[in-house]
PDB file of N, CA and C in Angstrom:
ATOM      1  N   MET A   1      16.439 -18.719   4.816  1.00  0.00           N
ATOM      2  CA  MET A   1      15.873 -19.693   4.625  1.00  0.00           C
ATOM      3  C   MET A   1      15.662 -20.547   3.055  1.00  0.00           C
ATOM      4  N   GLU A   2      15.844 -21.281   3.081  1.00  0.00           N
ATOM      5  CA  GLU A   2      15.979 -21.412   1.538  1.00  0.00           C
ATOM      6  C   GLU A   2      14.886 -22.846   1.421  1.00  0.00           C
ATOM      7  N   ASN A   3      13.929 -22.933   1.989  1.00  0.00           N
ATOM      8  CA  ASN A   3      12.550 -23.760   1.799  1.00  0.00           C
ATOM      9  C   ASN A   3      11.638 -22.502   1.721  1.00  0.00           C
ATOM     10  N   ARG A   4      10.976 -21.507   0.914  1.00  0.00           N
ATOM     11  CA  ARG A   4      10.566 -20.760   0.839  1.00  0.00           C
ATOM     12  C   ARG A   4       9.252 -21.475  -0.074  1.00  0.00           C
ATOM     13  N   ALA A   5       8.238 -20.974   0.368  1.00  0.00           N
ATOM     14  CA  ALA A   5       6.780 -21.758   0.157  1.00  0.00           C
ATOM     15  C   ALA A   5       6.821 -21.152  -1.646  1.00  0.00           C
ATOM     16  N   HIS A   6       6.689 -21.394  -2.788  1.00  0.00           N
ATOM     17  CA  HIS A   6       6.496 -20.713  -3.694  1.00  0.00           C
ATOM     18  C   HIS A   6       4.124 -20.575  -3.612  1.00  0.00           C
ATOM     19  N   ASN A   7       4.096 -19.334  -3.756  1.00  0.00           N
ATOM     20  CA  ASN A   7       2.920 -19.023  -4.038  1.00  0.00           C
ATOM     21  C   ASN A   7       2.494 -18.177  -4.902  1.00  0.00           C
ATOM     22  N   PHE A   8       1.118 -18.680  -5.075  1.00  0.00           N
ATOM     23  CA  PHE A   8       0.632 -18.976  -7.065  1.00  0.00           C
ATOM     24  C   PHE A   8      -0.866 -17.819  -6.389  1.00  0.00           C
ATOM     25  N   PHE A   9      -1.208 -17.382  -5.643  1.00  0.00           N
ATOM     26  CA  PHE A   9      -2.035 -16.795  -5.142  1.00  0.00           C
ATOM     27  C   PHE A   9      -2.085 -15.977  -5.875  1.00  0.00           C
ATOM     28  N   ALA A  10      -4.225 -15.362  -6.426  1.00  0.00           N
ATOM     29  CA  ALA A  10      -4.007 -13.787  -6.922  1.00  0.00           C
ATOM     30  C   ALA A  10      -3.288 -12.509  -5.597  1.00  0.00           C
ATOM     31  N   GLY A  11      -3.250 -12.958  -4.716  1.00  0.00           N
ATOM     32  CA  GLY A  11      -2.316 -11.411  -3.539  1.00  0.00           C
ATOM     33  C   GLY A  11      -3.088 -11.921  -2.335  1.00  0.00           C
ATOM     34  N   PRO A  12      -2.605 -12.131  -1.666  1.00  0.00           N
ATOM     35  CA  PRO A  12      -0.911 -11.067  -1.436  1.00  0.00           C
ATOM     36  C   PRO A  12      -0.443 -11.819  -2.160  1.00  0.00           C
ATOM     37  N   ALA A  13       0.997 -10.769  -2.730  1.00  0.00           N
ATOM     38  CA  ALA A  13       1.995 -12.044  -3.164  1.00  0.00           C
ATOM     39  C   ALA A  13       2.865 -11.399  -2.090  1.00  0.00           C
ATOM     40  N   ALA A  14       4.023 -13.277  -2.663  1.00  0.00           N
ATOM     41  CA  ALA A  14       5.392 -13.928  -1.826  1.00  0.00           C
ATOM     42  C   ALA A  14       6.048 -12.412  -1.948  1.00  0.00           C
ATOM     43  N   LEU A  15       6.390 -11.416  -1.205  1.00  0.00           N
ATOM     44  CA  LEU A  15       7.575 -10.652  -0.411  1.00  0.00           C
ATOM     45  C   LEU A  15       9.612 -11.476  -0.603  1.00  0.00           C
ATOM     46  N   PRO A  16      10.250 -10.628  -1.075  1.00  0.00           N
ATOM     47  CA  PRO A  16      11.730 -10.801  -1.905  1.00  0.00           C
ATOM     48  C   PRO A  16      11.986 -11.092   0.126  1.00  0.00           C
ATOM     49  N   LEU A  17      12.490 -11.616   0.314  1.00  0.00           N
ATOM     50  CA  LEU A  17      13.627 -12.190   1.383  1.00  0.00           C
ATOM     51  C   LEU A  17      13.698 -10.758   2.395  1.00  0.00           C
ATOM     52  N   GLU A  18      14.499 -10.269   1.471  1.00  0.00           N
ATOM     53  CA  GLU A  18      15.405  -9.217   1.899  1.00  0.00           C
ATOM     54  C   GLU A  18      14.291  -8.487   2.625  1.00  0.00           C
ATOM     55  N   VAL A  19      13.514  -8.079   2.065  1.00  0.00           N
ATOM     56  CA  VAL A  19      12.004  -6.979   2.510  1.00  0.00           C
ATOM     57  C   VAL A  19      11.490  -7.588   3.297  1.00  0.00           C
ATOM     58  N   LEU A  20      11.557  -9.009   3.614  1.00  0.00           N
ATOM     59  CA  LEU A  20      10.568  -9.943   4.459  1.00  0.00           C
ATOM     60  C   LEU A  20      11.274  -9.273   6.289  1.00  0.00           C
ATOM     61  N   LYS A  21      13.061  -9.825   5.705  1.00  0.00           N
ATOM     62  CA  LYS A  21      13.882  -9.075   6.996  1.00  0.00           C
ATOM     63  C   LYS A  21      14.279  -7.709   7.710  1.00  0.00           C
ATOM     64  N   GLN A  22      13.413  -6.799   6.478  1.00  0.00           N
ATOM     65  CA  GLN A  22      13.945  -5.623   6.788  1.00  0.00           C
ATOM     66  C   GLN A  22      12.727  -5.125   7.615  1.00  0.00           C
ATOM     67  N   ALA A  23      11.155  -5.493   7.039  1.00  0.00           N
ATOM     68  CA  ALA A  23      10.124  -5.403   8.061  1.00  0.00           C
ATOM     69  C   ALA A  23      10.041  -5.882   9.802  1.00  0.00           C
ATOM     70  N   GLN A  24      11.119  -7.534   9.338  1.00  0.00           N
ATOM     71  CA  GLN A  24      11.398  -7.983  11.013  1.00  0.00           C
ATOM     72  C   GLN A  24      12.376  -7.035  11.735  1.00  0.00           C
ATOM     73  N   ALA A  25      13.395  -6.676  10.985  1.00  0.00           N
ATOM     74  CA  ALA A  25      13.788  -5.516  12.302  1.00  0.00           C
ATOM     75  C   ALA A  25      13.217  -4.474  12.302  1.00  0.00           C
ATOM     76  N   GLU A  26      12.287  -3.521  11.892  1.00  0.00           N
ATOM     77  CA  GLU A  26      12.378  -2.750  12.061  1.00  0.00           C
ATOM     78  C   GLU A  26      10.388  -3.057  12.745  1.00  0.00           C
ATOM     79  N   LEU A  27       9.916  -4.164  12.852  1.00  0.00           N
ATOM     80  CA  LEU A  27       9.132  -4.390  13.469  1.00  0.00           C
ATOM     81  C   LEU A  27       8.931  -4.001  15.194  1.00  0.00           C
ATOM     82  N   LEU A  28       9.506  -3.895  15.622  1.00  0.00           N
ATOM     83  CA  LEU A  28      10.130  -3.514  17.086  1.00  0.00           C
ATOM     84  C   LEU A  28      10.216  -2.295  16.802  1.00  0.00           C
ATOM     85  N   ASN A  29      10.684  -2.265  16.532  1.00  0.00           N
ATOM     86  CA  ASN A  29      11.422  -0.435  16.451  1.00  0.00           C
ATOM     87  C   ASN A  29      11.447   0.425  14.811  1.00  0.00           C
ATOM     88  N   PHE A  30      10.230   1.065  14.804  1.00  0.00           N
ATOM     89  CA  PHE A  30      10.552   1.392  13.454  1.00  0.00           C
ATOM     90  C   PHE A  30      11.127   2.585  12.893  1.00  0.00           C
ATOM     91  N   ARG A  31      12.219   3.072  12.195  1.00  0.00           N
ATOM     92  CA  ARG A  31      13.003   3.934  11.518  1.00  0.00           C
ATOM     93  C   ARG A  31      13.360   4.633  13.036  1.00  0.00           C
ATOM     94  N   GLY A  32      13.655   4.097  14.100  1.00  0.00           N
ATOM     95  CA  GLY A  32      13.744   4.408  15.560  1.00  0.00           C
ATOM     96  C   GLY A  32      12.675   5.613  16.438  1.00  0.00           C
ATOM     97  N   THR A  33      12.136   5.009  15.717  1.00  0.00           N
ATOM     98  CA  THR A  33      10.743   5.393  16.806  1.00  0.00           C
ATOM     99  C   THR A  33      10.605   4.895  18.023  1.00  0.00           C
ATOM    100  N   GLY A  34      11.345   3.789  18.383  1.00  0.00           N
ATOM    101  CA  GLY A  34      10.887   2.525  19.549  1.00  0.00           C
ATOM    102  C   GLY A  34       9.857   1.811  19.545  1.00  0.00           C
ATOM    103  N   VAL A  35       8.839   2.053  18.469  1.00  0.00           N
ATOM    104  CA  VAL A  35       7.856   1.287  18.322  1.00  0.00           C
ATOM    105  C   VAL A  35       8.032   0.797  16.620  1.00  0.00           C
ATOM    106  N   SER A  36       6.387  -0.013  16.978  1.00  0.00           N
ATOM    107  CA  SER A  36       6.622  -0.533  16.003  1.00  0.00           C
ATOM    108  C   SER A  36       5.554   0.991  15.048  1.00  0.00           C
ATOM    109  N   VAL A  37       5.494   0.494  13.099  1.00  0.00           N
ATOM    110  CA  VAL A  37       4.473   0.607  12.132  1.00  0.00           C
ATOM    111  C   VAL A  37       3.525   0.853  12.336  1.00  0.00           C
ATOM    112  N   MET A  38       2.864  -0.943  12.880  1.00  0.00           N
ATOM    113  CA  MET A  38       1.683  -1.173  13.147  1.00  0.00           C
ATOM    114  C   MET A  38       0.894   0.141  14.653  1.00  0.00           C
ATOM    115  N   GLU A  39       1.686   0.138  15.387  1.00  0.00           N
ATOM    116  CA  GLU A  39       1.696   1.140  16.903  1.00  0.00           C
ATOM    117  C   GLU A  39       1.332   2.599  16.396  1.00  0.00           C
ATOM    118  N   ILE A  40       2.129   3.187  15.443  1.00  0.00           N
ATOM    119  CA  ILE A  40       2.209   5.310  15.388  1.00  0.00           C
ATOM    120  C   ILE A  40       0.654   5.120  14.968  1.00  0.00           C
ATOM    121  N   SER A  41       0.810   6.516  14.719  1.00  0.00           N
ATOM    122  CA  SER A  41      -1.061   7.270  14.425  1.00  0.00           C
ATOM    123  C   SER A  41      -0.831   7.739  12.848  1.00  0.00           C
ATOM    124  N   HIS A  42      -1.879   7.427  12.305  1.00  0.00           N
ATOM    125  CA  HIS A  42      -1.970   7.365  10.872  1.00  0.00           C
ATOM    126  C   HIS A  42      -2.239   9.521  10.327  1.00  0.00           C
ATOM    127  N   ARG A  43      -1.340   9.816  12.222  1.00  0.00           N
ATOM    128  CA  ARG A  43      -1.453  11.580  12.369  1.00  0.00           C
ATOM    129  C   ARG A  43       0.318  11.631  12.228  1.00  0.00           C
ATOM    130  N   ASP A  44       0.991  10.853  12.549  1.00  0.00           N
ATOM    131  CA  ASP A  44       1.725  11.093  13.379  1.00  0.00           C
ATOM    132  C   ASP A  44       3.128  11.178  11.458  1.00  0.00           C
ATOM    133  N   LYS A  45       3.993  11.834  12.185  1.00  0.00           N
ATOM    134  CA  LYS A  45       5.164  13.107  10.877  1.00  0.00           C
ATOM    135  C   LYS A  45       5.255  11.905  10.238  1.00  0.00           C
ATOM    136  N   ALA A  46       6.060  10.289  11.388  1.00  0.00           N
ATOM    137  CA  ALA A  46       6.519   9.234  10.711  1.00  0.00           C
ATOM    138  C   ALA A  46       5.757   9.045   9.715  1.00  0.00           C
ATOM    139  N   PHE A  47       5.061   7.954  10.768  1.00  0.00           N
ATOM    140  CA  PHE A  47       3.716   7.930   9.256  1.00  0.00           C
ATOM    141  C   PHE A  47       3.140   8.132   8.011  1.00  0.00           C
ATOM    142  N   ILE A  48       2.902   9.338   8.404  1.00  0.00           N
ATOM    143  CA  ILE A  48       2.869  10.366   7.472  1.00  0.00           C
ATOM    144  C   ILE A  48       3.712  10.383   6.300  1.00  0.00           C
ATOM    145  N   ALA A  49       5.014  10.252   6.583  1.00  0.00           N
ATOM    146  CA  ALA A  49       5.982  10.251   5.338  1.00  0.00           C
ATOM    147  C   ALA A  49       6.314   8.911   5.354  1.00  0.00           C
ATOM    148  N   VAL A  50       5.775   8.066   5.336  1.00  0.00           N
ATOM    149  CA  VAL A  50       5.880   6.617   4.720  1.00  0.00           C
ATOM    150  C   VAL A  50       4.649   6.403   3.563  1.00  0.00           C
ATOM    151  N   THR A  51       3.158   7.363   4.381  1.00  0.00           N
ATOM    152  CA  THR A  51       2.405   7.336   2.865  1.00  0.00           C
ATOM    153  C   THR A  51       3.375   8.058   1.656  1.00  0.00           C
ATOM    154  N   GLU A  52       3.721   9.745   2.334  1.00  0.00           N
ATOM    155  CA  GLU A  52       4.297  10.780   0.860  1.00  0.00           C
ATOM    156  C   GLU A  52       5.584   9.440   0.476  1.00  0.00           C
ATOM    157  N   GLU A  53       6.069   8.756   1.153  1.00  0.00           N
ATOM    158  CA  GLU A  53       6.672   8.225   0.223  1.00  0.00           C
ATOM    159  C   GLU A  53       7.043   7.161  -0.829  1.00  0.00           C
ATOM    160  N   ALA A  54       6.081   6.451   0.171  1.00  0.00           N
ATOM    161  CA  ALA A  54       5.299   5.348  -1.033  1.00  0.00           C
ATOM    162  C   ALA A  54       4.408   5.671  -2.289  1.00  0.00           C
ATOM    163  N   GLU A  55       4.099   6.471  -2.089  1.00  0.00           N
ATOM    164  CA  GLU A  55       3.109   7.456  -2.633  1.00  0.00           C
ATOM    165  C   GLU A  55       4.080   8.380  -4.044  1.00  0.00           C
ATOM    166  N   ALA A  56       5.458   8.958  -3.765  1.00  0.00           N
ATOM    167  CA  ALA A  56       6.520   9.512  -4.175  1.00  0.00           C
ATOM    168  C   ALA A  56       6.431   8.123  -4.951  1.00  0.00           C
ATOM    169  N   ASP A  57       7.331   6.829  -4.921  1.00  0.00           N
ATOM    170  CA  ASP A  57       7.955   5.689  -4.945  1.00  0.00           C
ATOM    171  C   ASP A  57       7.080   5.929  -6.472  1.00  0.00           C
ATOM    172  N   LEU A  58       5.470   5.194  -5.857  1.00  0.00           N
ATOM    173  CA  LEU A  58       4.731   4.730  -6.881  1.00  0.00           C
ATOM    174  C   LEU A  58       4.389   5.580  -8.190  1.00  0.00           C
ATOM    175  N   LYS A  59       4.423   6.559  -8.176  1.00  0.00           N
ATOM    176  CA  LYS A  59       4.370   7.879  -8.963  1.00  0.00           C
ATOM    177  C   LYS A  59       6.066   7.770 -10.195  1.00  0.00           C
ATOM    178  N   LYS A  60       7.049   7.848  -9.482  1.00  0.00           N
ATOM    179  CA  LYS A  60       8.624   7.212 -10.171  1.00  0.00           C
ATOM    180  C   LYS A  60       8.261   6.206 -11.362  1.00  0.00           C
ATOM    181  N   LEU A  61       7.682   5.209 -10.220  1.00  0.00           N
ATOM    182  CA  LEU A  61       7.515   3.932 -11.110  1.00  0.00           C
ATOM    183  C   LEU A  61       7.137   3.958 -12.217  1.00  0.00           C
ATOM    184  N   LEU A  62       5.801   4.360 -12.622  1.00  0.00           N
ATOM    185  CA  LEU A  62       4.613   4.119 -13.370  1.00  0.00           C
ATOM    186  C   LEU A  62       5.399   5.350 -13.897  1.00  0.00           C
ATOM    187  N   GLY A  63       6.002   6.006 -13.639  1.00  0.00           N
ATOM    188  CA  GLY A  63       5.916   7.645 -14.549  1.00  0.00           C
ATOM    189  C   GLY A  63       5.121   9.074 -14.668  1.00  0.00           C
ATOM    190  N   LEU A  64       4.289   8.889 -13.329  1.00  0.00           N
ATOM    191  CA  LEU A  64       3.527   9.580 -13.692  1.00  0.00           C
ATOM    192  C   LEU A  64       3.945  10.952 -12.787  1.00  0.00           C
ATOM    193  N   GLY A  65       3.408  12.013 -13.494  1.00  0.00           N
ATOM    194  CA  GLY A  65       3.879  13.618 -12.733  1.00  0.00           C
ATOM    195  C   GLY A  65       3.064  13.964 -11.724  1.00  0.00           C
ATOM    196  N   ASP A  66       3.346  15.233 -11.646  1.00  0.00           N
ATOM    197  CA  ASP A  66       2.501  15.830 -10.467  1.00  0.00           C
ATOM    198  C   ASP A  66       1.089  16.235 -10.831  1.00  0.00           C
ATOM    199  N   ASP A  67       0.480  16.733 -11.777  1.00  0.00           N
ATOM    200  CA  ASP A  67      -0.789  15.812 -12.406  1.00  0.00           C
ATOM    201  C   ASP A  67      -1.609  15.147 -12.611  1.00  0.00           C
ATOM    202  N   TYR A  68      -0.799  14.079 -11.114  1.00  0.00           N
ATOM    203  CA  TYR A  68      -1.753  12.520 -10.874  1.00  0.00           C
ATOM    204  C   TYR A  68      -1.724  12.696  -9.406  1.00  0.00           C
ATOM    205  N   ALA A  69      -2.149  11.971  -8.964  1.00  0.00           N
ATOM    206  CA  ALA A  69      -2.902  11.495  -7.121  1.00  0.00           C
ATOM    207  C   ALA A  69      -2.590   9.881  -7.424  1.00  0.00           C
ATOM    208  N   VAL A  70      -1.835   9.714  -6.261  1.00  0.00           N
ATOM    209  CA  VAL A  70      -1.933   8.359  -5.586  1.00  0.00           C
ATOM    210  C   VAL A  70      -2.903   7.743  -4.514  1.00  0.00           C
ATOM    211  N   LEU A  71      -4.413   7.136  -4.781  1.00  0.00           N
ATOM    212  CA  LEU A  71      -4.805   6.730  -4.134  1.00  0.00           C
ATOM    213  C   LEU A  71      -4.488   5.594  -3.444  1.00  0.00           C
ATOM    214  N   PHE A  72      -4.827   4.723  -1.917  1.00  0.00           N
ATOM    215  CA  PHE A  72      -4.807   3.493  -1.498  1.00  0.00           C
ATOM    216  C   PHE A  72      -5.383   3.528  -0.641  1.00  0.00           C
ATOM    217  N   LEU A  73      -6.374   2.291  -1.135  1.00  0.00           N
ATOM    218  CA  LEU A  73      -7.548   2.296  -0.958  1.00  0.00           C
ATOM    219  C   LEU A  73      -6.991   0.589  -0.372  1.00  0.00           C
ATOM    220  N   GLY A  74      -8.526   0.151   0.660  1.00  0.00           N
ATOM    221  CA  GLY A  74      -8.964  -1.012   1.260  1.00  0.00           C
ATOM    222  C   GLY A  74     -10.017  -1.454   0.449  1.00  0.00           C
ATOM    223  N   GLY A  75      -9.567  -2.796   1.347  1.00  0.00           N
ATOM    224  CA  GLY A  75     -10.571  -3.672   0.847  1.00  0.00           C
ATOM    225  C   GLY A  75     -10.968  -4.731  -0.285  1.00  0.00           C
ATOM    226  N   GLY A  76      -9.084  -5.276  -1.042  1.00  0.00           N
ATOM    227  CA  GLY A  76      -9.223  -5.866  -2.138  1.00  0.00           C
ATOM    228  C   GLY A  76      -9.588  -5.304  -3.144  1.00  0.00           C
ATOM    229  N   ALA A  77      -9.616  -7.017  -3.946  1.00  0.00           N
ATOM    230  CA  ALA A  77     -10.304  -6.758  -5.358  1.00  0.00           C
ATOM    231  C   ALA A  77     -11.521  -6.659  -5.140  1.00  0.00           C
ATOM    232  N   THR A  78     -12.406  -7.205  -4.629  1.00  0.00           N
ATOM    233  CA  THR A  78     -13.842  -6.846  -4.324  1.00  0.00           C
ATOM    234  C   THR A  78     -14.278  -5.635  -4.351  1.00  0.00           C
ATOM    235  N   HIS A  79     -13.818  -5.113  -3.778  1.00  0.00           N
ATOM    236  CA  HIS A  79     -14.278  -3.113  -3.207  1.00  0.00           C
ATOM    237  C   HIS A  79     -13.701  -2.796  -5.088  1.00  0.00           C
ATOM    238  N   GLN A  80     -12.505  -2.812  -4.936  1.00  0.00           N
ATOM    239  CA  GLN A  80     -12.356  -1.832  -6.660  1.00  0.00           C
ATOM    240  C   GLN A  80     -13.595  -2.431  -7.610  1.00  0.00           C
ATOM    241  N   PHE A  81     -13.744  -4.213  -7.154  1.00  0.00           N
ATOM    242  CA  PHE A  81     -14.357  -4.140  -8.691  1.00  0.00           C
ATOM    243  C   PHE A  81     -15.923  -3.664  -8.291  1.00  0.00           C
ATOM    244  N   ILE A  82     -16.304  -3.237  -7.040  1.00  0.00           N
ATOM    245  CA  ILE A  82     -17.284  -2.634  -6.689  1.00  0.00           C
ATOM    246  C   ILE A  82     -17.286  -1.100  -7.260  1.00  0.00           C
ATOM    247  N   MET A  83     -16.381  -0.346  -7.198  1.00  0.00           N
ATOM    248  CA  MET A  83     -16.395   1.092  -7.450  1.00  0.00           C
ATOM    249  C   MET A  83     -15.704   1.398  -8.815  1.00  0.00           C
ATOM    250  N   LEU A  84     -15.975   0.450  -9.818  1.00  0.00           N
ATOM    251  CA  LEU A  84     -15.780  -0.238 -10.797  1.00  0.00           C
ATOM    252  C   LEU A  84     -16.795   0.889 -12.136  1.00  0.00           C
ATOM    253  N   PRO A  85     -18.277   0.511 -11.475  1.00  0.00           N
ATOM    254  CA  PRO A  85     -19.274   1.345 -12.554  1.00  0.00           C
ATOM    255  C   PRO A  85     -19.063   2.484 -12.024  1.00  0.00           C
ATOM    256  N   MET A  86     -18.339   3.200 -10.933  1.00  0.00           N
ATOM    257  CA  MET A  86     -18.848   4.722 -10.999  1.00  0.00           C
ATOM    258  C   MET A  86     -17.983   5.580 -11.223  1.00  0.00           C
ATOM    259  N   ASN A  87     -17.231   5.042 -12.065  1.00  0.00           N
ATOM    260  CA  ASN A  87     -16.301   5.609 -12.848  1.00  0.00           C
ATOM    261  C   ASN A  87     -16.280   5.570 -14.370  1.00  0.00           C
ATOM    262  N   VAL A  88     -17.382   5.372 -14.686  1.00  0.00           N
ATOM    263  CA  VAL A  88     -18.163   5.357 -15.875  1.00  0.00           C
ATOM    264  C   VAL A  88     -19.431   5.807 -15.508  1.00  0.00           C
ATOM    265  N   LEU A  89     -19.835   6.510 -14.628  1.00  0.00           N
ATOM    266  CA  LEU A  89     -21.218   6.945 -14.294  1.00  0.00           C
ATOM    267  C   LEU A  89     -20.947   8.934 -14.539  1.00  0.00           C
ATOM    268  N   ASN A  90     -22.467   9.503 -15.233  1.00  0.00           N
ATOM    269  CA  ASN A  90     -22.709  10.559 -15.018  1.00  0.00           C
ATOM    270  C   ASN A  90     -22.736  11.325 -13.809  1.00  0.00           C
ATOM    271  N   GLU A  91     -22.582  12.176 -13.731  1.00  0.00           N
ATOM    272  CA  GLU A  91     -22.750  13.117 -12.222  1.00  0.00           C
ATOM    273  C   GLU A  91     -24.272  13.131 -12.864  1.00  0.00           C
ATOM    274  N   GLY A  92     -24.942  12.364 -11.189  1.00  0.00           N
ATOM    275  CA  GLY A  92     -26.001  12.316 -10.414  1.00  0.00           C
ATOM    276  C   GLY A  92     -26.696  10.741 -11.260  1.00  0.00           C
ATOM    277  N   ASP A  93     -26.386   9.883 -12.049  1.00  0.00           N
ATOM    278  CA  ASP A  93     -26.212   8.735 -12.255  1.00  0.00           C
ATOM    279  C   ASP A  93     -26.162   7.786 -11.103  1.00  0.00           C
ATOM    280  N   CYS A  94     -27.031   6.666 -10.782  1.00  0.00           N
ATOM    281  CA  CYS A  94     -27.271   5.082 -10.190  1.00  0.00           C
ATOM    282  C   CYS A  94     -26.633   4.124 -10.828  1.00  0.00           C
ATOM    283  N   ALA A  95     -25.787   3.818 -10.212  1.00  0.00           N
ATOM    284  CA  ALA A  95     -25.241   2.349 -10.279  1.00  0.00           C
ATOM    285  C   ALA A  95     -25.418   1.459  -9.517  1.00  0.00           C
ATOM    286  N   ASP A  96     -27.228   1.038  -8.949  1.00  0.00           N
ATOM    287  CA  ASP A  96     -27.914  -0.222  -8.989  1.00  0.00           C
ATOM    288  C   ASP A  96     -27.726  -1.120  -9.312  1.00  0.00           C
TER     289      ASP A  96
END
């Protein structure tokens, strides 16, 4: 596909074509499971492997040791901005 549109939004980011092609190939049959990743339970071994691989890859990319954990949170930037005050509060304080 030669005429890919440019994306200058804050998010989500444009993905490389090879990533999209791999996702397309695995959409109907994720890693040989016979179902898509969207149909797998979050408790399934295949999905747990995805989350563990994602955490390990991100820690390696950022150079983080085992004394760090990665949190994958939903909600986008708005949710992250809402959580900021919680990181600077003392125990028992309120961020109203």
